[in-house]
Amino acid sequence: MAIHQMLRRSLSAGKRSSSKGNDVPKGHFAVYVGEGEKRRFVIPVSFLNEPSFQDLLCQAEEEFGFDHPMGGLTIPCSEEVFIDLTSRLSRT
């Protein structure tokens, strides 16, 4: 599945460039979010099971393919939309 390939590639790229300050806890992954300047978020892998999060990943695939300019998974939406979505997912 394309989403899992995208995540796997993003995670392996993150491991290569990881430094002490950029470590991601087990069970989480980093994404870059924003329409202009990108901000890094570390979120639980469990979000991958959520249809609304999968929609965001499909948008990222359409916009960036598998070439992520930030070196990690980049999600093309505003921080406000992303924070709202992840807040709702965290409550479920």
PDB file of N, CA and C in Angstrom:
ATOM      1  N   MET A   1       0.848  -1.183   0.000  1.00  0.00           N
ATOM      2  CA  MET A   1       0.000   0.000   0.000  1.00  0.00           C
ATOM      3  C   MET A   1       0.891   1.244   0.000  1.00  0.00           C
ATOM      4  N   ALA A   2       0.529   2.244  -0.748  1.00  0.00           N
ATOM      5  CA  ALA A   2       1.348   3.431  -0.935  1.00  0.00           C
ATOM      6  C   ALA A   2       1.590   4.187   0.366  1.00  0.00           C
ATOM      7  N   ILE A   3       0.591   4.284   1.223  1.00  0.00           N
ATOM      8  CA  ILE A   3       0.749   5.023   2.476  1.00  0.00           C
ATOM      9  C   ILE A   3       1.795   4.364   3.355  1.00  0.00           C
ATOM     10  N   HIS A   4       1.769   3.043   3.434  1.00  0.00           N
ATOM     11  CA  HIS A   4       2.751   2.347   4.264  1.00  0.00           C
ATOM     12  C   HIS A   4       4.149   2.479   3.677  1.00  0.00           C
ATOM     13  N   GLN A   5       4.266   2.459   2.367  1.00  0.00           N
ATOM     14  CA  GLN A   5       5.575   2.671   1.729  1.00  0.00           C
ATOM     15  C   GLN A   5       6.090   4.059   2.043  1.00  0.00           C
ATOM     16  N   MET A   6       5.208   5.060   1.985  1.00  0.00           N
ATOM     17  CA  MET A   6       5.593   6.430   2.261  1.00  0.00           C
ATOM     18  C   MET A   6       6.094   6.556   3.698  1.00  0.00           C
ATOM     19  N   LEU A   7       5.372   5.976   4.632  1.00  0.00           N
ATOM     20  CA  LEU A   7       5.771   6.040   6.026  1.00  0.00           C
ATOM     21  C   LEU A   7       7.087   5.319   6.257  1.00  0.00           C
ATOM     22  N   ARG A   8       7.220   4.113   5.697  1.00  0.00           N
ATOM     23  CA  ARG A   8       8.446   3.346   5.881  1.00  0.00           C
ATOM     24  C   ARG A   8       9.647   4.124   5.363  1.00  0.00           C
ATOM     25  N   ARG A   9       9.515   4.737   4.186  1.00  0.00           N
ATOM     26  CA  ARG A   9      10.609   5.516   3.612  1.00  0.00           C
ATOM     27  C   ARG A   9      10.916   6.737   4.475  1.00  0.00           C
ATOM     28  N   SER A  10       9.879   7.395   4.964  1.00  0.00           N
ATOM     29  CA  SER A  10      10.067   8.570   5.805  1.00  0.00           C
ATOM     30  C   SER A  10      10.772   8.203   7.107  1.00  0.00           C
ATOM     31  N   LEU A  11      10.353   7.103   7.711  1.00  0.00           N
ATOM     32  CA  LEU A  11      10.976   6.680   8.965  1.00  0.00           C
ATOM     33  C   LEU A  11      12.433   6.287   8.766  1.00  0.00           C
ATOM     34  N   SER A  12      12.744   5.591   7.679  1.00  0.00           N
ATOM     35  CA  SER A  12      14.130   5.195   7.459  1.00  0.00           C
ATOM     36  C   SER A  12      14.997   6.404   7.172  1.00  0.00           C
ATOM     37  N   ALA A  13      14.483   7.414   6.480  1.00  0.00           N
ATOM     38  CA  ALA A  13      15.236   8.637   6.228  1.00  0.00           C
ATOM     39  C   ALA A  13      15.481   9.371   7.539  1.00  0.00           C
ATOM     40  N   GLY A  14      14.487   9.353   8.428  1.00  0.00           N
ATOM     41  CA  GLY A  14      14.637  10.009   9.718  1.00  0.00           C
ATOM     42  C   GLY A  14      15.692   9.358  10.580  1.00  0.00           C
ATOM     43  N   LYS A  15      15.810   8.023  10.495  1.00  0.00           N
ATOM     44  CA  LYS A  15      16.820   7.312  11.277  1.00  0.00           C
ATOM     45  C   LYS A  15      18.228   7.670  10.820  1.00  0.00           C
ATOM     46  N   ARG A  16      18.409   7.846   9.507  1.00  0.00           N
ATOM     47  CA  ARG A  16      19.730   8.188   8.981  1.00  0.00           C
ATOM     48  C   ARG A  16      20.177   9.567   9.418  1.00  0.00           C
ATOM     49  N   SER A  17      19.226  10.518   9.497  1.00  0.00           N
ATOM     50  CA  SER A  17      19.600  11.886   9.818  1.00  0.00           C
ATOM     51  C   SER A  17      19.314  12.238  11.278  1.00  0.00           C
ATOM     52  N   SER A  18      18.946  11.247  12.060  1.00  0.00           N
ATOM     53  CA  SER A  18      18.574  11.489  13.444  1.00  0.00           C
ATOM     54  C   SER A  18      19.778  11.907  14.285  1.00  0.00           C
ATOM     55  N   SER A  19      19.543  12.887  15.141  1.00  0.00           N
ATOM     56  CA  SER A  19      20.547  13.269  16.120  1.00  0.00           C
ATOM     57  C   SER A  19      19.884  13.218  17.481  1.00  0.00           C
ATOM     58  N   LYS A  20      20.648  13.460  18.535  1.00  0.00           N
ATOM     59  CA  LYS A  20      20.119  13.327  19.883  1.00  0.00           C
ATOM     60  C   LYS A  20      18.850  14.151  20.085  1.00  0.00           C
ATOM     61  N   GLY A  21      18.774  15.375  19.552  1.00  0.00           N
ATOM     62  CA  GLY A  21      17.622  16.232  19.726  1.00  0.00           C
ATOM     63  C   GLY A  21      16.453  15.863  18.837  1.00  0.00           C
ATOM     64  N   ASN A  22      16.668  15.009  17.856  1.00  0.00           N
ATOM     65  CA  ASN A  22      15.605  14.679  16.909  1.00  0.00           C
ATOM     66  C   ASN A  22      15.078  13.266  17.063  1.00  0.00           C
ATOM     67  N   ASP A  23      15.399  12.581  18.140  1.00  0.00           N
ATOM     68  CA  ASP A  23      14.932  11.211  18.328  1.00  0.00           C
ATOM     69  C   ASP A  23      13.417  11.170  18.452  1.00  0.00           C
ATOM     70  N   VAL A  24      12.850  10.133  17.890  1.00  0.00           N
ATOM     71  CA  VAL A  24      11.404   9.931  17.930  1.00  0.00           C
ATOM     72  C   VAL A  24      11.138   8.719  18.804  1.00  0.00           C
ATOM     73  N   PRO A  25      10.251   8.850  19.801  1.00  0.00           N
ATOM     74  CA  PRO A  25       9.974   7.717  20.679  1.00  0.00           C
ATOM     75  C   PRO A  25       9.378   6.534  19.916  1.00  0.00           C
ATOM     76  N   LYS A  26       9.623   5.353  20.428  1.00  0.00           N
ATOM     77  CA  LYS A  26       9.056   4.148  19.835  1.00  0.00           C
ATOM     78  C   LYS A  26       7.539   4.278  19.794  1.00  0.00           C
ATOM     79  N   GLY A  27       6.954   3.860  18.662  1.00  0.00           N
ATOM     80  CA  GLY A  27       5.515   3.936  18.512  1.00  0.00           C
ATOM     81  C   GLY A  27       5.033   5.280  17.989  1.00  0.00           C
ATOM     82  N   HIS A  28       5.956   6.132  17.595  1.00  0.00           N
ATOM     83  CA  HIS A  28       5.628   7.459  17.074  1.00  0.00           C
ATOM     84  C   HIS A  28       6.406   7.698  15.785  1.00  0.00           C
ATOM     85  N   PHE A  29       6.020   8.742  15.047  1.00  0.00           N
ATOM     86  CA  PHE A  29       6.798   9.156  13.888  1.00  0.00           C
ATOM     87  C   PHE A  29       6.672  10.663  13.725  1.00  0.00           C
ATOM     88  N   ALA A  30       7.636  11.232  13.022  1.00  0.00           N
ATOM     89  CA  ALA A  30       7.666  12.681  12.829  1.00  0.00           C
ATOM     90  C   ALA A  30       7.067  13.041  11.480  1.00  0.00           C
ATOM     91  N   VAL A  31       6.334  14.137  11.469  1.00  0.00           N
ATOM     92  CA  VAL A  31       5.806  14.697  10.229  1.00  0.00           C
ATOM     93  C   VAL A  31       6.091  16.193  10.238  1.00  0.00           C
ATOM     94  N   TYR A  32       6.147  16.764   9.048  1.00  0.00           N
ATOM     95  CA  TYR A  32       6.300  18.205   8.898  1.00  0.00           C
ATOM     96  C   TYR A  32       5.001  18.740   8.335  1.00  0.00           C
ATOM     97  N   VAL A  33       4.483  19.786   8.967  1.00  0.00           N
ATOM     98  CA  VAL A  33       3.168  20.307   8.624  1.00  0.00           C
ATOM     99  C   VAL A  33       3.262  21.809   8.386  1.00  0.00           C
ATOM    100  N   GLY A  34       2.513  22.261   7.400  1.00  0.00           N
ATOM    101  CA  GLY A  34       2.416  23.693   7.150  1.00  0.00           C
ATOM    102  C   GLY A  34       2.325  23.974   5.673  1.00  0.00           C
ATOM    103  N   GLU A  35       1.759  25.118   5.371  1.00  0.00           N
ATOM    104  CA  GLU A  35       1.614  25.511   3.974  1.00  0.00           C
ATOM    105  C   GLU A  35       2.788  26.345   3.513  1.00  0.00           C
ATOM    106  N   GLY A  36       3.435  27.046   4.405  1.00  0.00           N
ATOM    107  CA  GLY A  36       4.625  27.831   4.088  1.00  0.00           C
ATOM    108  C   GLY A  36       5.796  27.215   4.833  1.00  0.00           C
ATOM    109  N   GLU A  37       6.109  27.820   5.963  1.00  0.00           N
ATOM    110  CA  GLU A  37       7.149  27.268   6.828  1.00  0.00           C
ATOM    111  C   GLU A  37       6.616  25.998   7.484  1.00  0.00           C
ATOM    112  N   LYS A  38       7.424  24.959   7.503  1.00  0.00           N
ATOM    113  CA  LYS A  38       6.995  23.665   8.036  1.00  0.00           C
ATOM    114  C   LYS A  38       7.399  23.536   9.505  1.00  0.00           C
ATOM    115  N   ARG A  39       6.496  22.951  10.293  1.00  0.00           N
ATOM    116  CA  ARG A  39       6.760  22.683  11.695  1.00  0.00           C
ATOM    117  C   ARG A  39       6.730  21.176  11.921  1.00  0.00           C
ATOM    118  N   ARG A  40       7.640  20.678  12.727  1.00  0.00           N
ATOM    119  CA  ARG A  40       7.764  19.241  12.987  1.00  0.00           C
ATOM    120  C   ARG A  40       6.857  18.840  14.144  1.00  0.00           C
ATOM    121  N   PHE A  41       6.096  17.749  13.934  1.00  0.00           N
ATOM    122  CA  PHE A  41       5.248  17.161  14.971  1.00  0.00           C
ATOM    123  C   PHE A  41       5.616  15.693  15.100  1.00  0.00           C
ATOM    124  N   VAL A  42       5.576  15.171  16.325  1.00  0.00           N
ATOM    125  CA  VAL A  42       5.782  13.748  16.581  1.00  0.00           C
ATOM    126  C   VAL A  42       4.446  13.198  17.047  1.00  0.00           C
ATOM    127  N   ILE A  43       3.934  12.229  16.296  1.00  0.00           N
ATOM    128  CA  ILE A  43       2.591  11.712  16.571  1.00  0.00           C
ATOM    129  C   ILE A  43       2.612  10.193  16.672  1.00  0.00           C
ATOM    130  N   PRO A  44       1.601   9.610  17.325  1.00  0.00           N
ATOM    131  CA  PRO A  44       1.548   8.152  17.478  1.00  0.00           C
ATOM    132  C   PRO A  44       1.284   7.437  16.151  1.00  0.00           C
ATOM    133  N   VAL A  45       1.894   6.285  15.981  1.00  0.00           N
ATOM    134  CA  VAL A  45       1.679   5.466  14.792  1.00  0.00           C
ATOM    135  C   VAL A  45       0.217   5.040  14.697  1.00  0.00           C
ATOM    136  N   SER A  46      -0.480   4.954  15.811  1.00  0.00           N
ATOM    137  CA  SER A  46      -1.885   4.533  15.812  1.00  0.00           C
ATOM    138  C   SER A  46      -2.760   5.446  14.960  1.00  0.00           C
ATOM    139  N   PHE A  47      -2.336   6.685  14.710  1.00  0.00           N
ATOM    140  CA  PHE A  47      -3.104   7.598  13.864  1.00  0.00           C
ATOM    141  C   PHE A  47      -3.227   7.064  12.439  1.00  0.00           C
ATOM    142  N   LEU A  48      -2.325   6.178  12.038  1.00  0.00           N
ATOM    143  CA  LEU A  48      -2.368   5.632  10.677  1.00  0.00           C
ATOM    144  C   LEU A  48      -3.625   4.819  10.416  1.00  0.00           C
ATOM    145  N   ASN A  49      -4.269   4.342  11.464  1.00  0.00           N
ATOM    146  CA  ASN A  49      -5.501   3.563  11.310  1.00  0.00           C
ATOM    147  C   ASN A  49      -6.729   4.444  11.127  1.00  0.00           C
ATOM    148  N   GLU A  50      -6.590   5.734  11.329  1.00  0.00           N
ATOM    149  CA  GLU A  50      -7.727   6.649  11.287  1.00  0.00           C
ATOM    150  C   GLU A  50      -7.988   7.150   9.866  1.00  0.00           C
ATOM    151  N   PRO A  51      -9.204   6.981   9.361  1.00  0.00           N
ATOM    152  CA  PRO A  51      -9.522   7.416   7.991  1.00  0.00           C
ATOM    153  C   PRO A  51      -9.217   8.891   7.730  1.00  0.00           C
ATOM    154  N   SER A  52      -9.476   9.759   8.699  1.00  0.00           N
ATOM    155  CA  SER A  52      -9.212  11.182   8.477  1.00  0.00           C
ATOM    156  C   SER A  52      -7.717  11.454   8.337  1.00  0.00           C
ATOM    157  N   PHE A  53      -6.887  10.720   9.065  1.00  0.00           N
ATOM    158  CA  PHE A  53      -5.441  10.889   8.938  1.00  0.00           C
ATOM    159  C   PHE A  53      -4.965  10.280   7.617  1.00  0.00           C
ATOM    160  N   GLN A  54      -5.555   9.171   7.216  1.00  0.00           N
ATOM    161  CA  GLN A  54      -5.213   8.566   5.938  1.00  0.00           C
ATOM    162  C   GLN A  54      -5.518   9.505   4.780  1.00  0.00           C
ATOM    163  N   ASP A  55      -6.584  10.298   4.899  1.00  0.00           N
ATOM    164  CA  ASP A  55      -6.898  11.297   3.877  1.00  0.00           C
ATOM    165  C   ASP A  55      -5.767  12.316   3.758  1.00  0.00           C
ATOM    166  N   LEU A  56      -5.237  12.760   4.902  1.00  0.00           N
ATOM    167  CA  LEU A  56      -4.109  13.699   4.867  1.00  0.00           C
ATOM    168  C   LEU A  56      -2.890  13.069   4.188  1.00  0.00           C
ATOM    169  N   LEU A  57      -2.650  11.795   4.472  1.00  0.00           N
ATOM    170  CA  LEU A  57      -1.505  11.118   3.848  1.00  0.00           C
ATOM    171  C   LEU A  57      -1.682  11.003   2.332  1.00  0.00           C
ATOM    172  N   CYS A  58      -2.902  10.764   1.898  1.00  0.00           N
ATOM    173  CA  CYS A  58      -3.162  10.709   0.451  1.00  0.00           C
ATOM    174  C   CYS A  58      -2.900  12.063  -0.192  1.00  0.00           C
ATOM    175  N   GLN A  59      -3.293  13.143   0.483  1.00  0.00           N
ATOM    176  CA  GLN A  59      -3.008  14.485  -0.032  1.00  0.00           C
ATOM    177  C   GLN A  59      -1.508  14.720  -0.117  1.00  0.00           C
ATOM    178  N   ALA A  60      -0.778  14.256   0.888  1.00  0.00           N
ATOM    179  CA  ALA A  60       0.679  14.406   0.880  1.00  0.00           C
ATOM    180  C   ALA A  60       1.284  13.637  -0.279  1.00  0.00           C
ATOM    181  N   GLU A  61       0.778  12.435  -0.531  1.00  0.00           N
ATOM    182  CA  GLU A  61       1.279  11.628  -1.645  1.00  0.00           C
ATOM    183  C   GLU A  61       1.010  12.323  -2.979  1.00  0.00           C
ATOM    184  N   GLU A  62      -0.191  12.899  -3.123  1.00  0.00           N
ATOM    185  CA  GLU A  62      -0.530  13.595  -4.368  1.00  0.00           C
ATOM    186  C   GLU A  62       0.372  14.805  -4.597  1.00  0.00           C
ATOM    187  N   GLU A  63       0.665  15.543  -3.512  1.00  0.00           N
ATOM    188  CA  GLU A  63       1.445  16.768  -3.655  1.00  0.00           C
ATOM    189  C   GLU A  63       2.939  16.508  -3.766  1.00  0.00           C
ATOM    190  N   PHE A  64       3.468  15.581  -2.974  1.00  0.00           N
ATOM    191  CA  PHE A  64       4.912  15.376  -2.904  1.00  0.00           C
ATOM    192  C   PHE A  64       5.384  14.046  -3.471  1.00  0.00           C
ATOM    193  N   GLY A  65       4.488  13.110  -3.720  1.00  0.00           N
ATOM    194  CA  GLY A  65       4.926  11.780  -4.127  1.00  0.00           C
ATOM    195  C   GLY A  65       5.752  11.179  -3.000  1.00  0.00           C
ATOM    196  N   PHE A  66       6.879  10.592  -3.356  1.00  0.00           N
ATOM    197  CA  PHE A  66       7.754  10.016  -2.333  1.00  0.00           C
ATOM    198  C   PHE A  66       9.022  10.836  -2.150  1.00  0.00           C
ATOM    199  N   ASP A  67       9.044  12.058  -2.679  1.00  0.00           N
ATOM    200  CA  ASP A  67      10.181  12.956  -2.546  1.00  0.00           C
ATOM    201  C   ASP A  67       9.799  14.047  -1.559  1.00  0.00           C
ATOM    202  N   HIS A  68      10.191  13.888  -0.307  1.00  0.00           N
ATOM    203  CA  HIS A  68       9.822  14.838   0.729  1.00  0.00           C
ATOM    204  C   HIS A  68      10.965  15.818   0.956  1.00  0.00           C
ATOM    205  N   PRO A  69      10.754  17.096   0.659  1.00  0.00           N
ATOM    206  CA  PRO A  69      11.813  18.092   0.735  1.00  0.00           C
ATOM    207  C   PRO A  69      12.383  18.291   2.140  1.00  0.00           C
ATOM    208  N   MET A  70      11.634  17.964   3.168  1.00  0.00           N
ATOM    209  CA  MET A  70      12.105  18.157   4.540  1.00  0.00           C
ATOM    210  C   MET A  70      12.883  16.938   5.047  1.00  0.00           C
ATOM    211  N   GLY A  71      12.970  15.883   4.261  1.00  0.00           N
ATOM    212  CA  GLY A  71      13.662  14.681   4.710  1.00  0.00           C
ATOM    213  C   GLY A  71      12.774  13.765   5.527  1.00  0.00           C
ATOM    214  N   GLY A  72      11.548  14.142   5.716  1.00  0.00           N
ATOM    215  CA  GLY A  72      10.569  13.345   6.442  1.00  0.00           C
ATOM    216  C   GLY A  72       9.225  13.525   5.780  1.00  0.00           C
ATOM    217  N   LEU A  73       8.223  12.901   6.311  1.00  0.00           N
ATOM    218  CA  LEU A  73       6.890  12.991   5.756  1.00  0.00           C
ATOM    219  C   LEU A  73       6.369  14.419   5.908  1.00  0.00           C
ATOM    220  N   THR A  74       5.962  15.032   4.796  1.00  0.00           N
ATOM    221  CA  THR A  74       5.443  16.395   4.798  1.00  0.00           C
ATOM    222  C   THR A  74       3.950  16.360   4.486  1.00  0.00           C
ATOM    223  N   ILE A  75       3.151  17.006   5.331  1.00  0.00           N
ATOM    224  CA  ILE A  75       1.702  17.026   5.143  1.00  0.00           C
ATOM    225  C   ILE A  75       1.291  18.449   4.772  1.00  0.00           C
ATOM    226  N   PRO A  76       0.686  18.607   3.582  1.00  0.00           N
ATOM    227  CA  PRO A  76       0.354  19.935   3.072  1.00  0.00           C
ATOM    228  C   PRO A  76      -0.985  20.473   3.583  1.00  0.00           C
ATOM    229  N   CYS A  77      -1.013  20.867   4.836  1.00  0.00           N
ATOM    230  CA  CYS A  77      -2.207  21.509   5.375  1.00  0.00           C
ATOM    231  C   CYS A  77      -1.745  22.524   6.408  1.00  0.00           C
ATOM    232  N   SER A  78      -2.661  23.374   6.835  1.00  0.00           N
ATOM    233  CA  SER A  78      -2.285  24.370   7.838  1.00  0.00           C
ATOM    234  C   SER A  78      -2.049  23.684   9.187  1.00  0.00           C
ATOM    235  N   GLU A  79      -1.234  24.327  10.017  1.00  0.00           N
ATOM    236  CA  GLU A  79      -0.993  23.784  11.354  1.00  0.00           C
ATOM    237  C   GLU A  79      -2.290  23.697  12.139  1.00  0.00           C
ATOM    238  N   GLU A  80      -3.169  24.675  11.969  1.00  0.00           N
ATOM    239  CA  GLU A  80      -4.426  24.699  12.709  1.00  0.00           C
ATOM    240  C   GLU A  80      -5.278  23.470  12.385  1.00  0.00           C
ATOM    241  N   VAL A  81      -5.390  23.138  11.097  1.00  0.00           N
ATOM    242  CA  VAL A  81      -6.165  21.967  10.684  1.00  0.00           C
ATOM    243  C   VAL A  81      -5.531  20.701  11.256  1.00  0.00           C
ATOM    244  N   PHE A  82      -4.204  20.587  11.174  1.00  0.00           N
ATOM    245  CA  PHE A  82      -3.501  19.410  11.667  1.00  0.00           C
ATOM    246  C   PHE A  82      -3.676  19.266  13.179  1.00  0.00           C
ATOM    247  N   ILE A  83      -3.522  20.345  13.906  1.00  0.00           N
ATOM    248  CA  ILE A  83      -3.661  20.299  15.367  1.00  0.00           C
ATOM    249  C   ILE A  83      -5.089  19.934  15.751  1.00  0.00           C
ATOM    250  N   ASP A  84      -6.068  20.491  15.042  1.00  0.00           N
ATOM    251  CA  ASP A  84      -7.464  20.150  15.312  1.00  0.00           C
ATOM    252  C   ASP A  84      -7.703  18.661  15.088  1.00  0.00           C
ATOM    253  N   LEU A  85      -7.214  18.141  13.963  1.00  0.00           N
ATOM    254  CA  LEU A  85      -7.395  16.722  13.650  1.00  0.00           C
ATOM    255  C   LEU A  85      -6.713  15.835  14.684  1.00  0.00           C
ATOM    256  N   THR A  86      -5.462  16.105  14.993  1.00  0.00           N
ATOM    257  CA  THR A  86      -4.738  15.244  15.937  1.00  0.00           C
ATOM    258  C   THR A  86      -5.311  15.353  17.347  1.00  0.00           C
ATOM    259  N   SER A  87      -5.850  16.510  17.701  1.00  0.00           N
ATOM    260  CA  SER A  87      -6.502  16.648  19.010  1.00  0.00           C
ATOM    261  C   SER A  87      -7.741  15.766  19.082  1.00  0.00           C
ATOM    262  N   ARG A  88      -8.536  15.766  17.999  1.00  0.00           N
ATOM    263  CA  ARG A  88      -9.719  14.910  17.969  1.00  0.00           C
ATOM    264  C   ARG A  88      -9.331  13.436  18.004  1.00  0.00           C
ATOM    265  N   LEU A  89      -8.271  13.065  17.279  1.00  0.00           N
ATOM    266  CA  LEU A  89      -7.841  11.667  17.270  1.00  0.00           C
ATOM    267  C   LEU A  89      -7.299  11.236  18.626  1.00  0.00           C
ATOM    268  N   SER A  90      -6.659  12.137  19.327  1.00  0.00           N
ATOM    269  CA  SER A  90      -6.112  11.822  20.650  1.00  0.00           C
ATOM    270  C   SER A  90      -7.203  11.549  21.676  1.00  0.00           C
ATOM    271  N   ARG A  91      -8.364  12.126  21.458  1.00  0.00           N
ATOM    272  CA  ARG A  91      -9.482  11.947  22.405  1.00  0.00           C
ATOM    273  C   ARG A  91     -10.230  10.641  22.183  1.00  0.00           C
ATOM    274  N   THR A  92     -10.012  10.008  21.029  1.00  0.00           N
ATOM    275  CA  THR A  92     -10.773   8.781  20.747  1.00  0.00           C
ATOM    276  C   THR A  92     -10.094   7.562  21.301  1.00  0.00           C
TER     277      THR A  92
END
